[in-house]
Amino acid sequence: STRPKLLLIDEVDVFFSKDFYGELYTPQASLKHKSIKKLLDYVWRNRKNITFGRLQTSLEFSQCCNTFPDWKELIEESAKDMFSCVTTYHSLSYVCQNDMIGYKDQD
């Protein structure tokens, strides 16, 4: 059996801004590796008690940095984004309707 696919969009506020909404989005690069997946899984698994310090000292974070030593700054920034998102996602107001997730655009 095939698993359903899910598209996650980071920076959704930028995605729906007047400058971007309805325009083409062409990513310049896509980085995929099992160490990135392990880091993301670690963040999600520990979401209830994670601290940024614990995230930075995790084996998963170290493995990701060791896999891409020239991109450590990018990994650190991405880890900050992951931490921020996993600690605030529950406070976002969204609506689930017809198997879709929607966010209120304006008041």
PDB file of N, CA and C in Angstrom:
ATOM      1  N   SER A   1       0.839  -1.187   0.000  1.00  0.00           N
ATOM      2  CA  SER A   1       0.000   0.000   0.000  1.00  0.00           C
ATOM      3  C   SER A   1       0.883   1.250   0.000  1.00  0.00           C
ATOM      4  N   THR A   2       0.438   2.288  -0.668  1.00  0.00           N
ATOM      5  CA  THR A   2       1.208   3.524  -0.733  1.00  0.00           C
ATOM      6  C   THR A   2       0.778   4.455   0.389  1.00  0.00           C
ATOM      7  N   ARG A   3       1.743   5.210   0.869  1.00  0.00           N
ATOM      8  CA  ARG A   3       1.459   6.167   1.932  1.00  0.00           C
ATOM      9  C   ARG A   3       0.966   7.468   1.320  1.00  0.00           C
ATOM     10  N   PRO A   4       0.027   8.136   1.969  1.00  0.00           N
ATOM     11  CA  PRO A   4      -0.418   9.434   1.450  1.00  0.00           C
ATOM     12  C   PRO A   4       0.710  10.452   1.551  1.00  0.00           C
ATOM     13  N   LYS A   5       0.715  11.417   0.655  1.00  0.00           N
ATOM     14  CA  LYS A   5       1.745  12.455   0.655  1.00  0.00           C
ATOM     15  C   LYS A   5       1.193  13.708   1.319  1.00  0.00           C
ATOM     16  N   LEU A   6       2.091  14.472   1.918  1.00  0.00           N
ATOM     17  CA  LEU A   6       1.733  15.691   2.615  1.00  0.00           C
ATOM     18  C   LEU A   6       2.730  16.772   2.234  1.00  0.00           C
ATOM     19  N   LEU A   7       2.244  17.945   1.894  1.00  0.00           N
ATOM     20  CA  LEU A   7       3.100  19.075   1.580  1.00  0.00           C
ATOM     21  C   LEU A   7       3.107  20.015   2.774  1.00  0.00           C
ATOM     22  N   LEU A   8       4.293  20.262   3.346  1.00  0.00           N
ATOM     23  CA  LEU A   8       4.446  21.216   4.433  1.00  0.00           C
ATOM     24  C   LEU A   8       5.055  22.486   3.857  1.00  0.00           C
ATOM     25  N   ILE A   9       4.463  23.601   4.193  1.00  0.00           N
ATOM     26  CA  ILE A   9       4.953  24.880   3.687  1.00  0.00           C
ATOM     27  C   ILE A   9       5.439  25.699   4.872  1.00  0.00           C
ATOM     28  N   ASP A  10       6.737  25.993   4.882  1.00  0.00           N
ATOM     29  CA  ASP A  10       7.304  26.849   5.911  1.00  0.00           C
ATOM     30  C   ASP A  10       7.110  28.300   5.478  1.00  0.00           C
ATOM     31  N   GLU A  11       7.003  29.200   6.428  1.00  0.00           N
ATOM     32  CA  GLU A  11       6.822  30.619   6.142  1.00  0.00           C
ATOM     33  C   GLU A  11       5.540  30.864   5.357  1.00  0.00           C
ATOM     34  N   VAL A  12       4.443  30.271   5.846  1.00  0.00           N
ATOM     35  CA  VAL A  12       3.175  30.373   5.127  1.00  0.00           C
ATOM     36  C   VAL A  12       2.702  31.824   5.014  1.00  0.00           C
ATOM     37  N   ASP A  13       3.098  32.682   5.958  1.00  0.00           N
ATOM     38  CA  ASP A  13       2.715  34.088   5.861  1.00  0.00           C
ATOM     39  C   ASP A  13       3.341  34.742   4.632  1.00  0.00           C
ATOM     40  N   VAL A  14       4.563  34.348   4.299  1.00  0.00           N
ATOM     41  CA  VAL A  14       5.212  34.845   3.083  1.00  0.00           C
ATOM     42  C   VAL A  14       4.515  34.267   1.856  1.00  0.00           C
ATOM     43  N   PHE A  15       4.172  32.993   1.944  1.00  0.00           N
ATOM     44  CA  PHE A  15       3.508  32.320   0.830  1.00  0.00           C
ATOM     45  C   PHE A  15       2.209  33.021   0.442  1.00  0.00           C
ATOM     46  N   PHE A  16       1.475  33.534   1.445  1.00  0.00           N
ATOM     47  CA  PHE A  16       0.199  34.190   1.164  1.00  0.00           C
ATOM     48  C   PHE A  16       0.296  35.710   1.121  1.00  0.00           C
ATOM     49  N   SER A  17       1.497  36.258   1.084  1.00  0.00           N
ATOM     50  CA  SER A  17       1.630  37.710   0.988  1.00  0.00           C
ATOM     51  C   SER A  17       1.176  38.182  -0.396  1.00  0.00           C
ATOM     52  N   LYS A  18       0.866  39.453  -0.486  1.00  0.00           N
ATOM     53  CA  LYS A  18       0.390  40.011  -1.758  1.00  0.00           C
ATOM     54  C   LYS A  18       1.450  39.924  -2.865  1.00  0.00           C
ATOM     55  N   ASP A  19       2.734  39.950  -2.488  1.00  0.00           N
ATOM     56  CA  ASP A  19       3.813  39.873  -3.477  1.00  0.00           C
ATOM     57  C   ASP A  19       4.016  38.467  -4.018  1.00  0.00           C
ATOM     58  N   PHE A  20       3.614  37.472  -3.245  1.00  0.00           N
ATOM     59  CA  PHE A  20       3.927  36.089  -3.617  1.00  0.00           C
ATOM     60  C   PHE A  20       2.701  35.282  -4.032  1.00  0.00           C
ATOM     61  N   TYR A  21       1.579  35.521  -3.390  1.00  0.00           N
ATOM     62  CA  TYR A  21       0.370  34.731  -3.613  1.00  0.00           C
ATOM     63  C   TYR A  21      -0.027  34.728  -5.100  1.00  0.00           C
ATOM     64  N   GLY A  22      -0.175  33.548  -5.650  1.00  0.00           N
ATOM     65  CA  GLY A  22      -0.561  33.416  -7.040  1.00  0.00           C
ATOM     66  C   GLY A  22       0.593  33.464  -8.016  1.00  0.00           C
ATOM     67  N   GLU A  23       1.783  33.736  -7.533  1.00  0.00           N
ATOM     68  CA  GLU A  23       2.969  33.784  -8.390  1.00  0.00           C
ATOM     69  C   GLU A  23       3.639  32.412  -8.427  1.00  0.00           C
ATOM     70  N   LEU A  24       4.574  32.222  -9.343  1.00  0.00           N
ATOM     71  CA  LEU A  24       5.314  30.966  -9.437  1.00  0.00           C
ATOM     72  C   LEU A  24       6.349  30.874  -8.330  1.00  0.00           C
ATOM     73  N   TYR A  25       6.526  29.688  -7.802  1.00  0.00           N
ATOM     74  CA  TYR A  25       7.572  29.425  -6.811  1.00  0.00           C
ATOM     75  C   TYR A  25       8.490  28.370  -7.390  1.00  0.00           C
ATOM     76  N   THR A  26       9.747  28.715  -7.556  1.00  0.00           N
ATOM     77  CA  THR A  26      10.706  27.790  -8.131  1.00  0.00           C
ATOM     78  C   THR A  26      11.890  27.657  -7.177  1.00  0.00           C
ATOM     79  N   PRO A  27      11.896  26.634  -6.327  1.00  0.00           N
ATOM     80  CA  PRO A  27      13.034  26.468  -5.414  1.00  0.00           C
ATOM     81  C   PRO A  27      14.314  26.221  -6.204  1.00  0.00           C
ATOM     82  N   GLN A  28      15.399  26.790  -5.728  1.00  0.00           N
ATOM     83  CA  GLN A  28      16.676  26.641  -6.413  1.00  0.00           C
ATOM     84  C   GLN A  28      17.387  25.351  -6.031  1.00  0.00           C
ATOM     85  N   ALA A  29      17.077  24.845  -4.846  1.00  0.00           N
ATOM     86  CA  ALA A  29      17.741  23.624  -4.400  1.00  0.00           C
ATOM     87  C   ALA A  29      16.833  22.874  -3.433  1.00  0.00           C
ATOM     88  N   SER A  30      16.989  21.597  -3.426  1.00  0.00           N
ATOM     89  CA  SER A  30      16.254  20.747  -2.490  1.00  0.00           C
ATOM     90  C   SER A  30      17.264  19.798  -1.869  1.00  0.00           C
ATOM     91  N   LEU A  31      17.321  19.789  -0.574  1.00  0.00           N
ATOM     92  CA  LEU A  31      18.300  18.982   0.135  1.00  0.00           C
ATOM     93  C   LEU A  31      17.572  17.862   0.873  1.00  0.00           C
ATOM     94  N   LYS A  32      17.889  16.624   0.524  1.00  0.00           N
ATOM     95  CA  LYS A  32      17.261  15.462   1.146  1.00  0.00           C
ATOM     96  C   LYS A  32      18.345  14.519   1.635  1.00  0.00           C
ATOM     97  N   HIS A  33      18.185  14.056   2.872  1.00  0.00           N
ATOM     98  CA  HIS A  33      19.129  13.096   3.427  1.00  0.00           C
ATOM     99  C   HIS A  33      18.504  12.489   4.680  1.00  0.00           C
ATOM    100  N   LYS A  34      18.876  11.262   4.993  1.00  0.00           N
ATOM    101  CA  LYS A  34      18.288  10.593   6.154  1.00  0.00           C
ATOM    102  C   LYS A  34      18.635  11.312   7.453  1.00  0.00           C
ATOM    103  N   SER A  35      19.776  12.004   7.512  1.00  0.00           N
ATOM    104  CA  SER A  35      20.132  12.724   8.739  1.00  0.00           C
ATOM    105  C   SER A  35      19.183  13.899   8.987  1.00  0.00           C
ATOM    106  N   ILE A  36      18.690  14.522   7.921  1.00  0.00           N
ATOM    107  CA  ILE A  36      17.726  15.618   8.051  1.00  0.00           C
ATOM    108  C   ILE A  36      16.405  15.073   8.575  1.00  0.00           C
ATOM    109  N   LYS A  37      15.980  13.949   8.028  1.00  0.00           N
ATOM    110  CA  LYS A  37      14.736  13.310   8.484  1.00  0.00           C
ATOM    111  C   LYS A  37      14.840  12.912   9.947  1.00  0.00           C
ATOM    112  N   LYS A  38      15.993  12.375  10.345  1.00  0.00           N
ATOM    113  CA  LYS A  38      16.193  11.974  11.742  1.00  0.00           C
ATOM    114  C   LYS A  38      16.133  13.191  12.670  1.00  0.00           C
ATOM    115  N   LEU A  39      16.699  14.310  12.224  1.00  0.00           N
ATOM    116  CA  LEU A  39      16.649  15.531  13.028  1.00  0.00           C
ATOM    117  C   LEU A  39      15.214  16.016  13.184  1.00  0.00           C
ATOM    118  N   LEU A  40      14.488  16.042  12.102  1.00  0.00           N
ATOM    119  CA  LEU A  40      13.090  16.460  12.150  1.00  0.00           C
ATOM    120  C   LEU A  40      12.268  15.525  13.037  1.00  0.00           C
ATOM    121  N   ASP A  41      12.496  14.220  12.918  1.00  0.00           N
ATOM    122  CA  ASP A  41      11.796  13.245  13.767  1.00  0.00           C
ATOM    123  C   ASP A  41      12.129  13.458  15.240  1.00  0.00           C
ATOM    124  N   TYR A  42      13.392  13.752  15.524  1.00  0.00           N
ATOM    125  CA  TYR A  42      13.819  14.019  16.905  1.00  0.00           C
ATOM    126  C   TYR A  42      13.059  15.218  17.474  1.00  0.00           C
ATOM    127  N   VAL A  43      12.989  16.285  16.698  1.00  0.00           N
ATOM    128  CA  VAL A  43      12.298  17.497  17.148  1.00  0.00           C
ATOM    129  C   VAL A  43      10.832  17.184  17.436  1.00  0.00           C
ATOM    130  N   TRP A  44      10.183  16.470  16.545  1.00  0.00           N
ATOM    131  CA  TRP A  44       8.760  16.168  16.732  1.00  0.00           C
ATOM    132  C   TRP A  44       8.541  15.227  17.918  1.00  0.00           C
ATOM    133  N   ARG A  45       9.380  14.226  18.053  1.00  0.00           N
ATOM    134  CA  ARG A  45       9.261  13.259  19.150  1.00  0.00           C
ATOM    135  C   ARG A  45       9.429  13.932  20.512  1.00  0.00           C
ATOM    136  N   ASN A  46      10.256  14.943  20.576  1.00  0.00           N
ATOM    137  CA  ASN A  46      10.558  15.612  21.842  1.00  0.00           C
ATOM    138  C   ASN A  46       9.874  16.970  21.987  1.00  0.00           C
ATOM    139  N   ARG A  47       8.847  17.205  21.195  1.00  0.00           N
ATOM    140  CA  ARG A  47       8.213  18.522  21.122  1.00  0.00           C
ATOM    141  C   ARG A  47       7.665  19.022  22.455  1.00  0.00           C
ATOM    142  N   LYS A  48       7.284  18.121  23.349  1.00  0.00           N
ATOM    143  CA  LYS A  48       6.655  18.550  24.607  1.00  0.00           C
ATOM    144  C   LYS A  48       7.662  19.080  25.618  1.00  0.00           C
ATOM    145  N   ASN A  49       8.914  18.679  25.509  1.00  0.00           N
ATOM    146  CA  ASN A  49       9.898  19.131  26.492  1.00  0.00           C
ATOM    147  C   ASN A  49      11.229  19.537  25.866  1.00  0.00           C
ATOM    148  N   ILE A  50      11.204  19.885  24.604  1.00  0.00           N
ATOM    149  CA  ILE A  50      12.448  20.232  23.909  1.00  0.00           C
ATOM    150  C   ILE A  50      12.909  21.633  24.305  1.00  0.00           C
ATOM    151  N   THR A  51      14.195  21.794  24.398  1.00  0.00           N
ATOM    152  CA  THR A  51      14.805  23.118  24.530  1.00  0.00           C
ATOM    153  C   THR A  51      15.767  23.264  23.356  1.00  0.00           C
ATOM    154  N   PHE A  52      16.089  24.490  23.016  1.00  0.00           N
ATOM    155  CA  PHE A  52      16.992  24.667  21.886  1.00  0.00           C
ATOM    156  C   PHE A  52      18.380  24.130  22.220  1.00  0.00           C
ATOM    157  N   GLY A  53      18.785  24.257  23.478  1.00  0.00           N
ATOM    158  CA  GLY A  53      20.075  23.717  23.894  1.00  0.00           C
ATOM    159  C   GLY A  53      20.141  22.209  23.737  1.00  0.00           C
ATOM    160  N   ARG A  54      19.069  21.533  24.123  1.00  0.00           N
ATOM    161  CA  ARG A  54      19.021  20.077  23.962  1.00  0.00           C
ATOM    162  C   ARG A  54      19.024  19.691  22.491  1.00  0.00           C
ATOM    163  N   LEU A  55      18.332  20.466  21.681  1.00  0.00           N
ATOM    164  CA  LEU A  55      18.306  20.204  20.244  1.00  0.00           C
ATOM    165  C   LEU A  55      19.719  20.325  19.664  1.00  0.00           C
ATOM    166  N   GLN A  56      20.440  21.387  20.032  1.00  0.00           N
ATOM    167  CA  GLN A  56      21.787  21.600  19.502  1.00  0.00           C
ATOM    168  C   GLN A  56      22.793  20.542  19.956  1.00  0.00           C
ATOM    169  N   THR A  57      22.551  19.928  21.093  1.00  0.00           N
ATOM    170  CA  THR A  57      23.481  18.915  21.587  1.00  0.00           C
ATOM    171  C   THR A  57      23.021  17.498  21.280  1.00  0.00           C
ATOM    172  N   SER A  58      21.955  17.366  20.526  1.00  0.00           N
ATOM    173  CA  SER A  58      21.438  16.033  20.201  1.00  0.00           C
ATOM    174  C   SER A  58      22.337  15.332  19.181  1.00  0.00           C
ATOM    175  N   LEU A  59      22.315  14.024  19.227  1.00  0.00           N
ATOM    176  CA  LEU A  59      23.062  13.214  18.271  1.00  0.00           C
ATOM    177  C   LEU A  59      22.581  13.509  16.852  1.00  0.00           C
ATOM    178  N   GLU A  60      21.277  13.677  16.692  1.00  0.00           N
ATOM    179  CA  GLU A  60      20.694  13.925  15.369  1.00  0.00           C
ATOM    180  C   GLU A  60      21.206  15.235  14.767  1.00  0.00           C
ATOM    181  N   PHE A  61      21.297  16.277  15.596  1.00  0.00           N
ATOM    182  CA  PHE A  61      21.813  17.556  15.116  1.00  0.00           C
ATOM    183  C   PHE A  61      23.284  17.413  14.706  1.00  0.00           C
ATOM    184  N   SER A  62      24.070  16.728  15.542  1.00  0.00           N
ATOM    185  CA  SER A  62      25.491  16.522  15.241  1.00  0.00           C
ATOM    186  C   SER A  62      25.680  15.733  13.948  1.00  0.00           C
ATOM    187  N   GLN A  63      24.869  14.698  13.771  1.00  0.00           N
ATOM    188  CA  GLN A  63      24.973  13.894  12.552  1.00  0.00           C
ATOM    189  C   GLN A  63      24.651  14.721  11.319  1.00  0.00           C
ATOM    190  N   CYS A  64      23.657  15.556  11.429  1.00  0.00           N
ATOM    191  CA  CYS A  64      23.281  16.411  10.301  1.00  0.00           C
ATOM    192  C   CYS A  64      24.425  17.383   9.978  1.00  0.00           C
ATOM    193  N   CYS A  65      25.009  17.997  10.990  1.00  0.00           N
ATOM    194  CA  CYS A  65      26.122  18.929  10.775  1.00  0.00           C
ATOM    195  C   CYS A  65      27.345  18.205  10.220  1.00  0.00           C
ATOM    196  N   ASN A  66      27.593  16.990  10.679  1.00  0.00           N
ATOM    197  CA  ASN A  66      28.734  16.221  10.182  1.00  0.00           C
ATOM    198  C   ASN A  66      28.522  15.770   8.742  1.00  0.00           C
ATOM    199  N   THR A  67      27.284  15.522   8.371  1.00  0.00           N
ATOM    200  CA  THR A  67      26.976  15.120   7.003  1.00  0.00           C
ATOM    201  C   THR A  67      27.180  16.281   6.035  1.00  0.00           C
ATOM    202  N   PHE A  68      26.850  17.497   6.494  1.00  0.00           N
ATOM    203  CA  PHE A  68      26.972  18.698   5.653  1.00  0.00           C
ATOM    204  C   PHE A  68      27.829  19.747   6.369  1.00  0.00           C
ATOM    205  N   PRO A  69      29.129  19.491   6.531  1.00  0.00           N
ATOM    206  CA  PRO A  69      29.973  20.406   7.314  1.00  0.00           C
ATOM    207  C   PRO A  69      30.060  21.820   6.736  1.00  0.00           C
ATOM    208  N   ASP A  70      29.936  21.962   5.446  1.00  0.00           N
ATOM    209  CA  ASP A  70      29.995  23.295   4.840  1.00  0.00           C
ATOM    210  C   ASP A  70      28.697  24.078   5.005  1.00  0.00           C
ATOM    211  N   TRP A  71      27.656  23.410   5.443  1.00  0.00           N
ATOM    212  CA  TRP A  71      26.339  24.027   5.566  1.00  0.00           C
ATOM    213  C   TRP A  71      25.875  24.116   7.008  1.00  0.00           C
ATOM    214  N   LYS A  72      26.811  24.107   7.955  1.00  0.00           N
ATOM    215  CA  LYS A  72      26.446  24.101   9.372  1.00  0.00           C
ATOM    216  C   LYS A  72      25.577  25.296   9.746  1.00  0.00           C
ATOM    217  N   GLU A  73      25.906  26.489   9.225  1.00  0.00           N
ATOM    218  CA  GLU A  73      25.110  27.677   9.546  1.00  0.00           C
ATOM    219  C   GLU A  73      23.668  27.522   9.059  1.00  0.00           C
ATOM    220  N   LEU A  74      23.481  26.961   7.877  1.00  0.00           N
ATOM    221  CA  LEU A  74      22.144  26.732   7.351  1.00  0.00           C
ATOM    222  C   LEU A  74      21.383  25.721   8.227  1.00  0.00           C
ATOM    223  N   ILE A  75      22.067  24.681   8.661  1.00  0.00           N
ATOM    224  CA  ILE A  75      21.439  23.672   9.522  1.00  0.00           C
ATOM    225  C   ILE A  75      21.051  24.296  10.861  1.00  0.00           C
ATOM    226  N   GLU A  76      21.926  25.139  11.407  1.00  0.00           N
ATOM    227  CA  GLU A  76      21.609  25.817  12.666  1.00  0.00           C
ATOM    228  C   GLU A  76      20.379  26.706  12.526  1.00  0.00           C
ATOM    229  N   GLU A  77      20.309  27.459  11.440  1.00  0.00           N
ATOM    230  CA  GLU A  77      19.144  28.320  11.211  1.00  0.00           C
ATOM    231  C   GLU A  77      17.875  27.488  11.017  1.00  0.00           C
ATOM    232  N   SER A  78      17.996  26.391  10.305  1.00  0.00           N
ATOM    233  CA  SER A  78      16.842  25.512  10.102  1.00  0.00           C
ATOM    234  C   SER A  78      16.404  24.888  11.418  1.00  0.00           C
ATOM    235  N   ALA A  79      17.366  24.542  12.272  1.00  0.00           N
ATOM    236  CA  ALA A  79      17.038  23.987  13.584  1.00  0.00           C
ATOM    237  C   ALA A  79      16.310  25.021  14.445  1.00  0.00           C
ATOM    238  N   LYS A  80      16.717  26.284  14.333  1.00  0.00           N
ATOM    239  CA  LYS A  80      16.002  27.353  15.049  1.00  0.00           C
ATOM    240  C   LYS A  80      14.562  27.442  14.574  1.00  0.00           C
ATOM    241  N   ASP A  81      14.365  27.355  13.261  1.00  0.00           N
ATOM    242  CA  ASP A  81      13.012  27.384  12.705  1.00  0.00           C
ATOM    243  C   ASP A  81      12.195  26.190  13.196  1.00  0.00           C
ATOM    244  N   MET A  82      12.799  24.992  13.179  1.00  0.00           N
ATOM    245  CA  MET A  82      12.105  23.796  13.661  1.00  0.00           C
ATOM    246  C   MET A  82      11.688  23.972  15.112  1.00  0.00           C
ATOM    247  N   PHE A  83      12.622  24.452  15.938  1.00  0.00           N
ATOM    248  CA  PHE A  83      12.337  24.652  17.356  1.00  0.00           C
ATOM    249  C   PHE A  83      11.200  25.650  17.541  1.00  0.00           C
ATOM    250  N   SER A  84      11.280  26.760  16.840  1.00  0.00           N
ATOM    251  CA  SER A  84      10.238  27.779  16.948  1.00  0.00           C
ATOM    252  C   SER A  84       8.874  27.229  16.533  1.00  0.00           C
ATOM    253  N   CYS A  85       8.850  26.522  15.440  1.00  0.00           N
ATOM    254  CA  CYS A  85       7.584  25.986  14.931  1.00  0.00           C
ATOM    255  C   CYS A  85       6.996  24.919  15.854  1.00  0.00           C
ATOM    256  N   VAL A  86       7.841  24.036  16.364  1.00  0.00           N
ATOM    257  CA  VAL A  86       7.321  22.940  17.177  1.00  0.00           C
ATOM    258  C   VAL A  86       6.856  23.432  18.548  1.00  0.00           C
ATOM    259  N   THR A  87       7.339  24.582  18.986  1.00  0.00           N
ATOM    260  CA  THR A  87       6.916  25.099  20.278  1.00  0.00           C
ATOM    261  C   THR A  87       5.756  26.087  20.166  1.00  0.00           C
ATOM    262  N   THR A  88       5.346  26.442  18.933  1.00  0.00           N
ATOM    263  CA  THR A  88       4.254  27.405  18.775  1.00  0.00           C
ATOM    264  C   THR A  88       3.132  26.931  17.857  1.00  0.00           C
ATOM    265  N   TYR A  89       3.281  25.762  17.237  1.00  0.00           N
ATOM    266  CA  TYR A  89       2.295  25.341  16.236  1.00  0.00           C
ATOM    267  C   TYR A  89       0.886  25.245  16.811  1.00  0.00           C
ATOM    268  N   HIS A  90       0.766  24.887  18.067  1.00  0.00           N
ATOM    269  CA  HIS A  90      -0.550  24.699  18.676  1.00  0.00           C
ATOM    270  C   HIS A  90      -1.290  26.018  18.895  1.00  0.00           C
ATOM    271  N   SER A  91      -0.599  27.146  18.828  1.00  0.00           N
ATOM    272  CA  SER A  91      -1.247  28.433  19.058  1.00  0.00           C
ATOM    273  C   SER A  91      -1.772  29.069  17.773  1.00  0.00           C
ATOM    274  N   LEU A  92      -1.513  28.468  16.631  1.00  0.00           N
ATOM    275  CA  LEU A  92      -2.001  29.014  15.364  1.00  0.00           C
ATOM    276  C   LEU A  92      -3.486  28.721  15.213  1.00  0.00           C
ATOM    277  N   SER A  93      -4.214  29.667  14.661  1.00  0.00           N
ATOM    278  CA  SER A  93      -5.635  29.425  14.429  1.00  0.00           C
ATOM    279  C   SER A  93      -5.829  29.028  12.966  1.00  0.00           C
ATOM    280  N   TYR A  94      -6.320  27.832  12.790  1.00  0.00           N
ATOM    281  CA  TYR A  94      -6.546  27.324  11.451  1.00  0.00           C
ATOM    282  C   TYR A  94      -7.887  26.609  11.424  1.00  0.00           C
ATOM    283  N   VAL A  95      -8.357  26.355  10.229  1.00  0.00           N
ATOM    284  CA  VAL A  95      -9.641  25.691  10.035  1.00  0.00           C
ATOM    285  C   VAL A  95      -9.416  24.479   9.148  1.00  0.00           C
ATOM    286  N   CYS A  96      -9.957  23.349   9.544  1.00  0.00           N
ATOM    287  CA  CYS A  96      -9.928  22.144   8.707  1.00  0.00           C
ATOM    288  C   CYS A  96     -11.305  21.981   8.088  1.00  0.00           C
ATOM    289  N   GLN A  97     -11.365  21.954   6.778  1.00  0.00           N
ATOM    290  CA  GLN A  97     -12.636  21.834   6.098  1.00  0.00           C
ATOM    291  C   GLN A  97     -12.424  21.123   4.770  1.00  0.00           C
ATOM    292  N   ASN A  98     -13.229  20.128   4.487  1.00  0.00           N
ATOM    293  CA  ASN A  98     -13.148  19.367   3.240  1.00  0.00           C
ATOM    294  C   ASN A  98     -11.735  18.824   2.989  1.00  0.00           C
ATOM    295  N   ASP A  99     -11.141  18.239   4.026  1.00  0.00           N
ATOM    296  CA  ASP A  99      -9.796  17.668   3.948  1.00  0.00           C
ATOM    297  C   ASP A  99      -8.724  18.696   3.589  1.00  0.00           C
ATOM    298  N   MET A 100      -8.963  19.965   3.885  1.00  0.00           N
ATOM    299  CA  MET A 100      -7.986  21.013   3.628  1.00  0.00           C
ATOM    300  C   MET A 100      -7.770  21.825   4.904  1.00  0.00           C
ATOM    301  N   ILE A 101      -6.576  22.381   5.042  1.00  0.00           N
ATOM    302  CA  ILE A 101      -6.253  23.261   6.154  1.00  0.00           C
ATOM    303  C   ILE A 101      -6.223  24.675   5.629  1.00  0.00           C
ATOM    304  N   GLY A 102      -6.918  25.582   6.314  1.00  0.00           N
ATOM    305  CA  GLY A 102      -6.950  26.963   5.881  1.00  0.00           C
ATOM    306  C   GLY A 102      -6.630  27.902   7.043  1.00  0.00           C
ATOM    307  N   TYR A 103      -6.069  29.069   6.729  1.00  0.00           N
ATOM    308  CA  TYR A 103      -5.753  30.093   7.703  1.00  0.00           C
ATOM    309  C   TYR A 103      -6.500  31.347   7.335  1.00  0.00           C
ATOM    310  N   LYS A 104      -6.968  32.047   8.339  1.00  0.00           N
ATOM    311  CA  LYS A 104      -7.680  33.286   8.115  1.00  0.00           C
ATOM    312  C   LYS A 104      -6.709  34.326   7.545  1.00  0.00           C
ATOM    313  N   ASP A 105      -7.054  34.911   6.404  1.00  0.00           N
ATOM    314  CA  ASP A 105      -6.160  35.855   5.732  1.00  0.00           C
ATOM    315  C   ASP A 105      -6.204  37.221   6.403  1.00  0.00           C
ATOM    316  N   GLN A 106      -7.382  37.701   6.748  1.00  0.00           N
ATOM    317  CA  GLN A 106      -7.544  39.001   7.400  1.00  0.00           C
ATOM    318  C   GLN A 106      -8.694  38.906   8.392  1.00  0.00           C
ATOM    319  N   ASP A 107      -8.760  39.893   9.287  1.00  0.00           N
ATOM    320  CA  ASP A 107      -9.849  39.907  10.290  1.00  0.00           C
ATOM    321  C   ASP A 107     -11.189  40.099   9.657  1.00  0.00           C
TER     322      ASP A 107
END
